[in-house]
Amino acid sequence: MPTVPGAPQLNWVFGAGTRALSEEVSNPFERGCAFFLFGALQQFFFDGNEKMVRCYLSKDGTEMMAVLRECHPGE
């Protein structure tokens, strides 16, 4: 999807996708795997790329865990 200020379409897709995963996939492991694939496909975290490079190089996922936590309602 194109990058637009505020990312309204991307936010809608993220919300719809996470709701569907919560409602339709009861197994936590399968839901986690499905979320990974969903996120990889949609590339929600384009602004986290520089943080991912630091994660790859340092093997410290703290910064990226914070990015992912921000994207999960209720955490």
C-alpha atoms as a PDB file:
ATOM      1  CA  MET A   1       0.000   0.000   0.000  1.00  0.00           C
ATOM      2  CA  PRO A   2       1.187   3.522  -0.637  1.00  0.00           C
ATOM      3  CA  THR A   3       2.617   5.500   2.260  1.00  0.00           C
ATOM      4  CA  VAL A   4       0.271   8.355   3.180  1.00  0.00           C
ATOM      5  CA  PRO A   5       0.237  10.628   6.236  1.00  0.00           C
ATOM      6  CA  GLY A   6      -1.428   8.936   9.184  1.00  0.00           C
ATOM      7  CA  ALA A   7      -1.623   5.635   7.254  1.00  0.00           C
ATOM      8  CA  PRO A   8      -5.444   5.354   7.464  1.00  0.00           C
ATOM      9  CA  GLN A   9      -5.735   2.408   5.056  1.00  0.00           C
ATOM     10  CA  LEU A  10      -2.781   0.578   6.592  1.00  0.00           C
ATOM     11  CA  ASN A  11      -4.232   1.121  10.078  1.00  0.00           C
ATOM     12  CA  TRP A  12      -7.597  -0.238   8.912  1.00  0.00           C
ATOM     13  CA  VAL A  13      -5.950  -3.339   7.410  1.00  0.00           C
ATOM     14  CA  PHE A  14      -3.952  -3.885  10.608  1.00  0.00           C
ATOM     15  CA  GLY A  15      -7.058  -3.594  12.797  1.00  0.00           C
ATOM     16  CA  ALA A  16      -9.160  -5.857  10.578  1.00  0.00           C
ATOM     17  CA  GLY A  17      -6.389  -8.426  10.343  1.00  0.00           C
ATOM     18  CA  THR A  18      -5.663  -8.569  14.063  1.00  0.00           C
ATOM     19  CA  ARG A  19      -9.395  -8.815  14.844  1.00  0.00           C
ATOM     20  CA  ALA A  20      -9.740 -11.690  12.375  1.00  0.00           C
ATOM     21  CA  LEU A  21      -6.757 -13.487  13.899  1.00  0.00           C
ATOM     22  CA  SER A  22      -8.171 -13.045  17.404  1.00  0.00           C
ATOM     23  CA  GLU A  23     -11.608 -14.284  16.380  1.00  0.00           C
ATOM     24  CA  GLU A  24     -10.645 -17.085  14.010  1.00  0.00           C
ATOM     25  CA  VAL A  25      -7.373 -18.590  15.284  1.00  0.00           C
ATOM     26  CA  SER A  26      -7.686 -19.989  18.796  1.00  0.00           C
ATOM     27  CA  ASN A  27      -4.280 -21.656  19.080  1.00  0.00           C
ATOM     28  CA  PRO A  28      -1.777 -19.061  20.397  1.00  0.00           C
ATOM     29  CA  PHE A  29       1.165 -20.541  18.484  1.00  0.00           C
ATOM     30  CA  GLU A  30      -0.753 -20.622  15.209  1.00  0.00           C
ATOM     31  CA  ARG A  31      -2.063 -17.095  15.838  1.00  0.00           C
ATOM     32  CA  GLY A  32       1.515 -15.879  16.408  1.00  0.00           C
ATOM     33  CA  CYS A  33       2.735 -17.551  13.226  1.00  0.00           C
ATOM     34  CA  ALA A  34      -0.200 -16.150  11.268  1.00  0.00           C
ATOM     35  CA  PHE A  35       0.466 -12.666  12.660  1.00  0.00           C
ATOM     36  CA  PHE A  36       4.106 -12.925  11.616  1.00  0.00           C
ATOM     37  CA  LEU A  37       3.101 -13.873   8.068  1.00  0.00           C
ATOM     38  CA  PHE A  38       0.404 -11.178   7.972  1.00  0.00           C
ATOM     39  CA  GLY A  39       2.876  -8.545   9.168  1.00  0.00           C
ATOM     40  CA  ALA A  40       5.579  -9.670   6.752  1.00  0.00           C
ATOM     41  CA  LEU A  41       3.119  -9.507   3.863  1.00  0.00           C
ATOM     42  CA  GLN A  42       1.738  -6.063   4.715  1.00  0.00           C
ATOM     43  CA  GLN A  43       5.047  -4.592   5.976  1.00  0.00           C
ATOM     44  CA  PHE A  44       3.367  -2.559   8.717  1.00  0.00           C
ATOM     45  CA  PHE A  45       6.634  -1.660  10.362  1.00  0.00           C
ATOM     46  CA  PHE A  46       8.321   0.231   7.561  1.00  0.00           C
ATOM     47  CA  ASP A  47       9.401   2.889  10.045  1.00  0.00           C
ATOM     48  CA  GLY A  48      11.127   0.232  12.118  1.00  0.00           C
ATOM     49  CA  ASN A  49      13.602  -0.781   9.419  1.00  0.00           C
ATOM     50  CA  GLU A  50      16.498   1.150  10.958  1.00  0.00           C
ATOM     51  CA  LYS A  51      15.631  -0.428  14.298  1.00  0.00           C
ATOM     52  CA  MET A  52      15.608  -3.872  12.651  1.00  0.00           C
ATOM     53  CA  VAL A  53      19.113  -3.297  11.294  1.00  0.00           C
ATOM     54  CA  ARG A  54      20.303  -2.506  14.838  1.00  0.00           C
ATOM     55  CA  CYS A  55      18.493  -5.634  16.091  1.00  0.00           C
ATOM     56  CA  TYR A  56      20.172  -7.810  13.454  1.00  0.00           C
ATOM     57  CA  LEU A  57      23.610  -6.407  14.209  1.00  0.00           C
ATOM     58  CA  SER A  58      23.379  -6.379  18.013  1.00  0.00           C
ATOM     59  CA  LYS A  59      21.138  -9.446  18.456  1.00  0.00           C
ATOM     60  CA  ASP A  60      19.220  -7.296  20.994  1.00  0.00           C
ATOM     61  CA  GLY A  61      15.486  -7.310  20.285  1.00  0.00           C
ATOM     62  CA  THR A  62      14.519  -4.820  23.011  1.00  0.00           C
ATOM     63  CA  GLU A  63      13.911  -1.922  20.648  1.00  0.00           C
ATOM     64  CA  MET A  64      11.867  -3.995  18.189  1.00  0.00           C
ATOM     65  CA  MET A  65       9.847  -5.591  20.988  1.00  0.00           C
ATOM     66  CA  ALA A  66       8.784  -2.050  21.940  1.00  0.00           C
ATOM     67  CA  VAL A  67       7.765  -1.343  18.321  1.00  0.00           C
ATOM     68  CA  LEU A  68       5.704  -4.539  18.203  1.00  0.00           C
ATOM     69  CA  ARG A  69       4.177  -3.898  21.636  1.00  0.00           C
ATOM     70  CA  GLU A  70       2.971  -0.474  20.443  1.00  0.00           C
ATOM     71  CA  CYS A  71       1.094  -2.219  17.641  1.00  0.00           C
ATOM     72  CA  HIS A  72      -0.757  -4.654  19.893  1.00  0.00           C
ATOM     73  CA  PRO A  73      -3.803  -3.246  21.668  1.00  0.00           C
ATOM     74  CA  GLY A  74      -3.960  -4.107  25.333  1.00  0.00           C
ATOM     75  CA  GLU A  75      -0.223  -4.614  25.875  1.00  0.00           C
END
